[in-house]
Amino acid sequence: MPVDVLPREVWERLVALSRDAGFDLASGPCRVRRTSSRFCLGVEHGDYNGTELFGVGTDRYLYLAYRPSDTGRVRLLSGNFEGDGVVEFGAGEIPPPGDPAVRDSWARFPLGVAHVLGQAGLPLERGFDGVLWGDIPGGGMSRSASLTLNLILTALEVEGHDALDPLRVVDWAVAVENDYIGSPCGELDQVMILFAREQRGVHYFPATRTVRHLPLPADARDFRLVSLDTGTVRPGLEHSTYRVRRAECEELVALARPEFGLHCLADVRDDALYDRLVQRFAAGHPHLIARLRYLFQAQHRFKRLLYAWLHGDLETVGAVFRADGLGLRDDYRISGPELETMCDIARTVPGVLGERMLGGGDKGAAGAIAWAEAVPDLRRAVETAYPRSHPNLAHRCAVHELRSVAGVMSMDVRDGVVSSIELPSFRT
């Protein structure tokens, strides 16, 4: 089978998990859905502030192997959380949002999917058996969004709902995290993964809820996206600085709306309005103006980022990525010491074009953009310098070289052989 579609070691792991769970997926045909991670190029933390977004899907994946059971029950085992055992439930057995019995278990994701789809009039009535495993680093590359999308798409397929608007899928995935789990995420991660295409960037316009795909020129110099996993475990967004920053941005919008008519901080695009807001609120709310400063400057850089990508100017792409990182560190204050250690190391390596923290913040993974030939030097620099600053994390930090991929892929598998592959055909 093609190694890039379903590696043999992944299939064998999924089969072993299915046997542990009591249903052998190797005994007949089954389906495997693969959902990607994502690498945001801009604007990080812009989604809940209304800015345009740009990023790619990347080749760290979550795999779900499954088979309809016609029992009316869902049975799932995660290879990343085997200690939680088999999660099993029927349509009438979904705990309410925030139930302490599942609050700290990965089961809150499939239960949240069942809850949200049930609220939408699409209950899980047929049932299916499945096992999951993924290699997406925790914190910064959207493991939870990948999981939620995978579960939603699988449930819809099993129930025969396969022609739905992809933005409804995005909304349901966000609702699982916002309304059921209590994580205040925006829609950046879900859009980047669901619409990702190989070697193309996803440009999302929140005002019109439309997507366009931006290719790199064929003659662009060979480069890599790199995940710099700090080895730290980031709590869910509901327990992190992310929630605080989102509340701060909403506070500034509420303060400014009566006088300035703001609906979101993305409305602040021109210098005159920005200067008026600074004059009005800097003395009493300097921290809120600092959050605005990052978003205002990031929006100004965003057009330069898109132009550079379309013209293969990767030095400028990296420079924008680096400038955003400094703003996230100094003005948005969403980074963390381990993340900034990774960034400090990356900046010393020739051929690294830009670096910054990724994702929700505090902990998790930083990211870098580098010429392909610079990646070995970056890896060696991290392996040498990071343990000196954080010796307790030396055995857990990692450097992952990434490539741009399609965000969602489904395949039919029998006896470990992929017989057909399906990519989503969403209109954009």
Protein backbone atom coordinates (compact mmCIF):
# COMPACT_ATOMS: atom_id res chain seq x y z
CA MET A 1 0.00 0.00 0.00
CA PRO A 2 1.22 3.58 -0.51
CA VAL A 3 3.24 4.48 2.57
CA ASP A 4 1.89 8.05 2.59
CA VAL A 5 -1.71 6.85 2.79
CA LEU A 6 -1.73 4.20 5.51
CA PRO A 7 1.71 3.12 6.76
CA ARG A 8 1.97 -0.57 7.61
CA GLU A 9 2.95 0.16 11.21
CA VAL A 10 -0.12 2.37 11.66
CA TRP A 11 -2.45 -0.30 10.30
CA GLU A 12 -0.90 -2.94 12.56
CA ARG A 13 -1.32 -0.66 15.56
CA LEU A 14 -4.98 -0.06 14.71
CA VAL A 15 -5.63 -3.79 14.28
CA ALA A 16 -3.99 -4.56 17.65
CA LEU A 17 -6.14 -1.91 19.31
CA SER A 18 -9.30 -3.33 17.75
CA ARG A 19 -8.47 -6.77 19.13
CA ASP A 20 -7.92 -5.25 22.56
CA ALA A 21 -11.33 -3.59 22.25
CA GLY A 22 -13.06 -6.84 21.33
CA PHE A 23 -13.74 -6.25 17.63
CA ASP A 24 -11.14 -7.38 15.11
CA LEU A 25 -10.97 -4.92 12.22
CA ALA A 26 -8.63 -7.25 10.33
CA SER A 27 -11.37 -9.87 9.97
CA GLY A 28 -13.17 -8.05 7.18
CA PRO A 29 -13.46 -4.78 5.29
CA CYS A 30 -13.37 -1.55 7.24
CA ARG A 31 -12.87 2.16 6.68
CA VAL A 32 -10.03 4.38 7.86
CA ARG A 33 -10.34 8.15 8.04
CA ARG A 34 -7.16 10.20 8.35
CA THR A 35 -7.28 13.82 9.52
CA SER A 36 -4.25 16.07 9.57
CA SER A 37 -2.70 18.55 11.92
CA ARG A 38 -2.34 22.18 10.86
CA PHE A 39 0.31 24.89 10.72
CA CYS A 40 -1.07 28.42 10.98
CA LEU A 41 0.94 31.03 9.09
CA GLY A 42 -1.36 33.92 10.03
CA VAL A 43 -3.12 35.32 11.95
CA GLU A 44 -2.58 33.23 15.09
CA HIS A 45 -5.38 34.08 17.56
CA GLY A 46 -7.08 36.01 14.79
CA ASP A 47 -10.07 33.71 14.38
CA TYR A 48 -11.99 34.80 17.47
CA ASN A 49 -11.06 38.41 16.64
CA GLY A 50 -12.49 38.28 13.10
CA THR A 51 -9.31 38.45 11.02
CA GLU A 52 -8.59 36.59 7.79
CA LEU A 53 -6.63 33.37 8.27
CA PHE A 54 -3.98 31.48 6.33
CA GLY A 55 -2.31 28.12 6.89
CA VAL A 56 -1.77 24.57 5.68
CA GLY A 57 -2.55 21.01 6.70
CA THR A 58 0.51 19.05 7.84
CA ASP A 59 1.49 15.40 7.91
CA ARG A 60 1.03 14.52 11.54
CA TYR A 61 -2.24 12.63 11.61
CA LEU A 62 -5.09 11.16 13.57
CA TYR A 63 -6.34 7.81 12.22
CA LEU A 64 -9.77 6.35 12.97
CA ALA A 65 -10.46 2.80 11.76
CA TYR A 66 -14.13 1.86 12.02
CA ARG A 67 -16.96 -0.36 10.91
CA PRO A 68 -20.74 0.22 11.25
CA SER A 69 -22.19 -2.13 13.85
CA ASP A 70 -25.97 -1.63 13.46
CA THR A 71 -26.27 -2.00 17.25
CA GLY A 72 -27.26 1.57 17.94
CA ARG A 73 -24.13 1.91 20.07
CA VAL A 74 -20.76 3.58 19.59
CA ARG A 75 -17.68 1.74 20.89
CA LEU A 76 -14.28 3.45 20.67
CA LEU A 77 -10.79 2.82 21.99
CA SER A 78 -8.01 5.39 21.71
CA GLY A 79 -4.43 4.20 21.45
CA ASN A 80 -3.32 7.57 22.81
CA PHE A 81 -5.47 7.18 25.94
CA GLU A 82 -5.63 3.44 26.47
CA GLY A 83 -5.98 3.94 30.21
CA ASP A 84 -9.49 5.28 29.62
CA GLY A 85 -10.54 1.93 28.17
CA VAL A 86 -13.35 1.44 25.68
CA VAL A 87 -15.77 4.35 25.47
CA GLU A 88 -19.26 2.97 24.83
CA PHE A 89 -22.61 4.73 24.65
CA GLY A 90 -25.96 4.86 22.90
CA ALA A 91 -27.91 7.85 21.66
CA GLY A 92 -29.85 8.18 24.92
CA GLU A 93 -26.81 7.94 27.20
CA ILE A 94 -25.01 11.24 26.60
CA PRO A 95 -24.02 13.10 29.79
CA PRO A 96 -24.83 16.81 29.81
CA PRO A 97 -22.12 19.37 28.97
CA GLY A 98 -19.56 19.76 31.75
CA ASP A 99 -20.48 16.50 33.47
CA PRO A 100 -17.64 15.78 35.95
CA ALA A 101 -17.78 12.07 35.12
CA VAL A 102 -16.22 12.70 31.69
CA ARG A 103 -14.66 16.15 32.11
CA ASP A 104 -11.09 14.80 32.32
CA SER A 105 -11.47 11.88 29.90
CA TRP A 106 -10.96 11.87 26.15
CA ALA A 107 -14.50 10.41 26.07
CA ARG A 108 -15.77 14.00 26.23
CA PHE A 109 -14.95 14.32 22.51
CA PRO A 110 -17.09 11.46 21.08
CA LEU A 111 -19.79 12.22 23.63
CA GLY A 112 -19.65 15.88 22.62
CA VAL A 113 -19.99 14.93 18.97
CA ALA A 114 -23.04 12.79 19.76
CA HIS A 115 -24.54 15.63 21.81
CA VAL A 116 -24.02 18.31 19.15
CA LEU A 117 -25.23 16.16 16.26
CA GLY A 118 -28.25 15.12 18.32
CA GLN A 119 -29.05 18.78 18.96
CA ALA A 120 -28.85 19.32 15.19
CA GLY A 121 -31.39 16.56 14.57
CA LEU A 122 -28.78 14.02 13.45
CA PRO A 123 -28.65 11.44 16.26
CA LEU A 124 -26.24 8.51 16.17
CA GLU A 125 -28.75 5.70 15.64
CA ARG A 126 -26.87 3.07 13.67
CA GLY A 127 -23.72 2.77 15.78
CA PHE A 128 -20.14 1.82 14.93
CA ASP A 129 -17.01 0.26 16.38
CA GLY A 130 -13.73 2.11 16.02
CA VAL A 131 -10.18 2.60 17.22
CA LEU A 132 -8.04 5.71 17.05
CA TRP A 133 -4.38 6.52 17.12
CA GLY A 134 -2.45 9.63 16.18
CA ASP A 135 1.02 11.16 16.13
CA ILE A 136 0.04 14.84 16.33
CA PRO A 137 2.17 16.59 18.97
CA GLY A 138 0.13 17.97 21.84
CA GLY A 139 -0.37 21.72 21.97
CA GLY A 140 -0.07 23.91 18.90
CA MET A 141 -1.00 21.66 15.99
CA SER A 142 -4.71 21.18 16.63
CA ARG A 143 -4.95 17.62 17.85
CA SER A 144 -8.39 18.25 19.38
CA ALA A 145 -9.77 19.80 16.18
CA SER A 146 -8.44 16.89 14.12
CA LEU A 147 -10.08 14.42 16.49
CA THR A 148 -13.40 16.24 16.57
CA LEU A 149 -13.60 16.60 12.79
CA ASN A 150 -12.71 12.95 12.29
CA LEU A 151 -15.43 11.81 14.69
CA ILE A 152 -18.06 14.10 13.15
CA LEU A 153 -17.30 13.06 9.57
CA THR A 154 -17.29 9.40 10.57
CA ALA A 155 -20.59 9.65 12.44
CA LEU A 156 -22.23 11.47 9.52
CA GLU A 157 -20.99 8.87 7.06
CA VAL A 158 -22.16 5.93 9.19
CA GLU A 159 -25.58 7.54 9.54
CA GLY A 160 -25.80 8.23 5.80
CA HIS A 161 -25.43 12.02 5.93
CA ASP A 162 -22.65 12.61 3.41
CA ALA A 163 -23.64 15.72 1.44
CA LEU A 164 -23.55 18.45 4.06
CA ASP A 165 -22.15 21.96 3.89
CA PRO A 166 -18.55 21.76 5.20
CA LEU A 167 -19.01 24.99 7.13
CA ARG A 168 -21.79 23.31 9.08
CA VAL A 169 -19.23 20.66 9.96
CA VAL A 170 -16.90 23.43 11.13
CA ASP A 171 -19.70 24.91 13.24
CA TRP A 172 -20.48 21.55 14.82
CA ALA A 173 -16.81 20.92 15.58
CA VAL A 174 -16.51 24.33 17.24
CA ALA A 175 -19.72 23.67 19.18
CA VAL A 176 -18.32 20.40 20.54
CA GLU A 177 -15.39 22.28 22.02
CA ASN A 178 -17.23 25.48 23.03
CA ASP A 179 -20.54 24.15 24.26
CA TYR A 180 -19.84 20.61 25.41
CA ILE A 181 -16.20 20.63 26.53
CA GLY A 182 -16.01 24.28 27.56
CA SER A 183 -12.97 25.12 25.45
CA PRO A 184 -13.29 28.67 24.01
CA CYS A 185 -11.66 27.92 20.65
CA GLY A 186 -12.39 29.78 17.43
CA GLU A 187 -12.69 28.17 13.99
CA LEU A 188 -9.11 28.53 12.71
CA ASP A 189 -8.07 24.94 13.40
CA GLN A 190 -11.19 23.34 11.96
CA VAL A 191 -11.11 25.41 8.76
CA MET A 192 -7.39 24.82 8.19
CA ILE A 193 -7.75 21.04 8.53
CA LEU A 194 -11.07 20.47 6.78
CA PHE A 195 -10.16 22.52 3.69
CA ALA A 196 -6.42 21.69 3.54
CA ARG A 197 -5.02 20.56 0.19
CA GLU A 198 -1.58 19.26 -0.67
CA GLN A 199 0.92 22.03 -1.49
CA ARG A 200 -1.74 24.72 -1.18
CA GLY A 201 -2.42 27.25 1.52
CA VAL A 202 -5.93 27.79 2.88
CA HIS A 203 -7.03 31.45 2.90
CA TYR A 204 -10.22 31.93 4.90
CA PHE A 205 -12.45 35.03 4.83
CA PRO A 206 -14.56 35.02 8.01
CA ALA A 207 -16.75 37.92 6.90
CA THR A 208 -18.09 35.93 3.95
CA ARG A 209 -17.19 32.45 5.25
CA THR A 210 -15.42 31.58 2.03
CA VAL A 211 -12.15 29.80 1.31
CA ARG A 212 -9.64 30.03 -1.50
CA HIS A 213 -6.58 27.85 -2.04
CA LEU A 214 -3.29 29.57 -2.77
CA PRO A 215 -0.58 27.50 -4.49
CA LEU A 216 3.12 28.07 -4.20
CA PRO A 217 4.89 28.59 -7.53
CA ALA A 218 6.33 25.39 -8.96
CA ASP A 219 9.81 26.89 -8.93
CA ALA A 220 9.74 27.95 -5.26
CA ARG A 221 12.88 26.96 -3.39
CA ASP A 222 12.61 23.78 -1.31
CA PHE A 223 11.65 24.60 2.27
CA ARG A 224 10.18 22.90 5.32
CA LEU A 225 7.73 23.66 8.06
CA VAL A 226 9.04 22.36 11.37
CA SER A 227 7.28 21.63 14.65
CA LEU A 228 9.48 22.18 17.70
CA ASP A 229 7.76 20.16 20.42
CA THR A 230 8.86 21.46 23.82
CA GLY A 231 7.80 18.27 25.59
CA THR A 232 5.45 20.23 27.82
CA VAL A 233 1.85 19.19 28.33
CA ARG A 234 -0.53 22.04 27.68
CA PRO A 235 -3.87 21.99 29.48
CA GLY A 236 -6.97 22.36 27.36
CA LEU A 237 -7.78 25.84 26.15
CA GLU A 238 -10.43 26.03 28.85
CA HIS A 239 -7.63 25.96 31.46
CA SER A 240 -5.06 28.14 29.69
CA THR A 241 -4.14 31.78 29.03
CA TYR A 242 -6.10 31.47 25.78
CA ARG A 243 -9.36 31.94 27.68
CA VAL A 244 -7.96 35.07 29.37
CA ARG A 245 -6.79 36.60 26.08
CA ARG A 246 -10.10 35.96 24.40
CA ALA A 247 -11.93 37.60 27.30
CA GLU A 248 -9.57 40.60 27.15
CA CYS A 249 -10.24 41.10 23.44
CA GLU A 250 -13.98 40.89 24.03
CA GLU A 251 -13.63 43.38 26.89
CA LEU A 252 -11.94 45.94 24.63
CA VAL A 253 -14.60 45.49 21.95
CA ALA A 254 -17.33 46.05 24.56
CA LEU A 255 -15.58 49.16 25.87
CA ALA A 256 -15.07 50.61 22.39
CA ARG A 257 -18.37 49.69 20.77
CA PRO A 258 -20.51 52.61 22.03
CA GLU A 259 -18.03 55.25 20.88
CA PHE A 260 -16.31 53.55 17.94
CA GLY A 261 -18.88 51.02 16.70
CA LEU A 262 -16.52 48.01 16.86
CA HIS A 263 -17.88 44.51 16.31
CA CYS A 264 -14.50 42.79 16.65
CA LEU A 265 -10.86 43.83 16.86
CA ALA A 266 -10.37 42.97 13.18
CA ASP A 267 -12.42 46.10 12.47
CA VAL A 268 -9.38 48.16 13.48
CA ARG A 269 -7.48 48.32 10.19
CA ASP A 270 -6.57 51.94 9.54
CA ASP A 271 -4.03 54.02 11.42
CA ALA A 272 -6.44 56.80 12.34
CA LEU A 273 -8.87 54.49 14.13
CA TYR A 274 -6.04 52.64 15.85
CA ASP A 275 -4.53 55.92 17.08
CA ARG A 276 -7.89 57.09 18.42
CA LEU A 277 -8.35 53.84 20.34
CA VAL A 278 -4.85 54.11 21.79
CA GLN A 279 -5.53 57.67 22.91
CA ARG A 280 -8.84 56.69 24.46
CA PHE A 281 -7.87 53.49 26.29
CA ALA A 282 -4.08 53.23 26.72
CA ALA A 283 -3.95 55.04 30.05
CA GLY A 284 -6.65 53.00 31.74
CA HIS A 285 -6.28 49.70 29.93
CA PRO A 286 -2.69 49.36 28.68
CA HIS A 287 -2.86 45.55 28.57
CA LEU A 288 -5.91 45.67 26.28
CA ILE A 289 -4.18 48.08 23.93
CA ALA A 290 -1.18 45.73 23.85
CA ARG A 291 -3.48 42.92 22.66
CA LEU A 292 -4.90 45.25 20.00
CA ARG A 293 -1.40 46.29 18.91
CA TYR A 294 -0.46 42.70 18.05
CA LEU A 295 -3.64 42.14 16.03
CA PHE A 296 -3.44 45.49 14.27
CA GLN A 297 0.14 44.93 13.18
CA ALA A 298 -0.49 41.28 12.27
CA GLN A 299 -3.35 42.31 9.97
CA HIS A 300 -1.05 44.81 8.25
CA ARG A 301 1.53 42.05 7.72
CA PHE A 302 -1.06 39.59 6.46
CA LYS A 303 -1.37 40.93 2.91
CA ARG A 304 2.41 40.90 2.60
CA LEU A 305 2.37 37.26 3.73
CA LEU A 306 -0.15 36.22 1.06
CA TYR A 307 1.67 38.10 -1.71
CA ALA A 308 4.98 36.54 -0.70
CA TRP A 309 3.48 33.02 -0.63
CA LEU A 310 1.95 33.38 -4.09
CA HIS A 311 5.29 34.59 -5.49
CA GLY A 312 7.47 32.02 -3.74
CA ASP A 313 9.16 34.69 -1.60
CA LEU A 314 9.73 32.44 1.37
CA GLU A 315 12.18 34.83 3.03
CA THR A 316 9.30 37.29 3.44
CA VAL A 317 6.94 34.52 4.59
CA GLY A 318 9.48 33.66 7.27
CA ALA A 319 10.04 37.30 8.22
CA VAL A 320 6.29 37.82 8.73
CA PHE A 321 6.09 34.61 10.75
CA ARG A 322 8.96 35.82 12.96
CA ALA A 323 7.44 39.29 13.43
CA ASP A 324 4.12 37.72 14.41
CA GLY A 325 5.99 35.62 16.97
CA LEU A 326 7.57 38.65 18.58
CA GLY A 327 4.15 40.29 18.78
CA LEU A 328 2.62 37.17 20.31
CA ARG A 329 5.42 37.13 22.87
CA ASP A 330 5.62 40.84 23.75
CA ASP A 331 2.16 42.31 23.10
CA TYR A 332 -0.27 39.39 23.16
CA ARG A 333 1.65 37.66 25.98
CA ILE A 334 0.41 34.21 24.94
CA SER A 335 3.71 32.36 24.73
CA GLY A 336 5.68 30.53 27.43
CA PRO A 337 9.31 30.05 28.54
CA GLU A 338 9.81 26.65 26.89
CA LEU A 339 8.27 27.88 23.65
CA GLU A 340 10.54 30.91 23.63
CA THR A 341 13.59 28.77 24.35
CA MET A 342 12.80 26.85 21.18
CA CYS A 343 12.40 30.11 19.25
CA ASP A 344 15.67 31.50 20.63
CA ILE A 345 17.50 28.36 19.51
CA ALA A 346 15.90 28.36 16.05
CA ARG A 347 16.88 32.00 15.46
CA THR A 348 20.57 31.10 15.80
CA VAL A 349 20.48 28.56 12.94
CA PRO A 350 21.40 29.82 9.44
CA GLY A 351 18.64 28.98 6.98
CA VAL A 352 15.82 29.30 9.52
CA LEU A 353 13.59 32.01 8.03
CA GLY A 354 11.20 32.51 10.92
CA GLU A 355 9.95 30.98 14.15
CA ARG A 356 7.24 31.48 16.75
CA MET A 357 4.96 29.73 19.18
CA LEU A 358 2.03 27.78 17.72
CA GLY A 359 -1.55 27.37 18.80
CA GLY A 360 -3.29 28.27 22.02
CA GLY A 361 -0.18 29.27 23.92
CA ASP A 362 1.56 28.68 27.25
CA LYS A 363 3.07 25.31 26.37
CA GLY A 364 3.12 22.73 23.56
CA ALA A 365 4.95 23.32 20.28
CA ALA A 366 6.69 26.19 18.57
CA GLY A 367 7.12 26.25 14.81
CA ALA A 368 9.77 27.24 12.30
CA ILE A 369 10.05 27.87 8.56
CA ALA A 370 13.41 26.83 7.16
CA TRP A 371 15.22 25.93 3.96
CA ALA A 372 15.17 22.16 3.56
CA GLU A 373 18.94 21.90 3.91
CA ALA A 374 18.85 23.78 7.24
CA VAL A 375 16.60 21.27 9.02
CA PRO A 376 19.41 18.90 10.10
CA ASP A 377 21.28 21.83 11.64
CA LEU A 378 18.09 22.98 13.38
CA ARG A 379 17.54 19.48 14.75
CA ARG A 380 21.10 19.30 16.08
CA ALA A 381 20.81 22.75 17.64
CA VAL A 382 17.63 21.79 19.49
CA GLU A 383 19.04 18.46 20.62
CA THR A 384 22.12 20.21 21.99
CA ALA A 385 20.76 23.44 23.47
CA TYR A 386 17.20 22.74 24.62
CA PRO A 387 18.13 20.11 27.25
CA ARG A 388 20.61 22.57 28.77
CA SER A 389 17.78 25.01 29.49
CA HIS A 390 15.12 22.42 30.33
CA PRO A 391 16.88 19.19 31.40
CA ASN A 392 13.65 17.74 32.80
CA LEU A 393 12.17 17.80 29.28
CA ALA A 394 15.21 16.45 27.42
CA HIS A 395 13.61 13.03 26.86
CA ARG A 396 10.34 14.48 25.59
CA CYS A 397 11.24 17.34 23.26
CA ALA A 398 11.23 16.61 19.54
CA VAL A 399 11.72 18.17 16.11
CA HIS A 400 9.17 17.18 13.46
CA GLU A 401 9.81 18.00 9.81
CA LEU A 402 6.47 18.63 8.10
CA ARG A 403 5.04 18.85 4.63
CA SER A 404 1.78 20.28 3.32
CA VAL A 405 -0.97 17.68 2.84
CA ALA A 406 -4.70 17.22 2.30
CA GLY A 407 -6.52 17.61 5.59
CA VAL A 408 -9.04 14.76 5.26
CA MET A 409 -8.71 11.42 3.52
CA SER A 410 -10.93 8.32 3.75
CA MET A 411 -10.02 4.87 2.54
CA ASP A 412 -11.49 1.38 2.28
CA VAL A 413 -9.19 -1.29 3.71
CA ARG A 414 -9.30 -5.07 3.56
CA ASP A 415 -6.54 -7.35 4.84
CA GLY A 416 -4.34 -4.31 5.32
CA VAL A 417 -4.65 -3.26 1.67
CA VAL A 418 -6.15 0.09 0.70
CA SER A 419 -8.63 -0.54 -2.12
CA SER A 420 -9.98 2.98 -2.60
CA ILE A 421 -9.20 6.51 -1.46
CA GLU A 422 -11.64 9.39 -1.14
CA LEU A 423 -10.87 13.08 -0.73
CA PRO A 424 -13.60 15.57 0.21
CA SER A 425 -15.01 17.52 -2.73
CA PHE A 426 -16.03 20.66 -0.90
CA ARG A 427 -16.81 23.72 -2.96
CA THR A 428 -14.71 26.73 -1.95
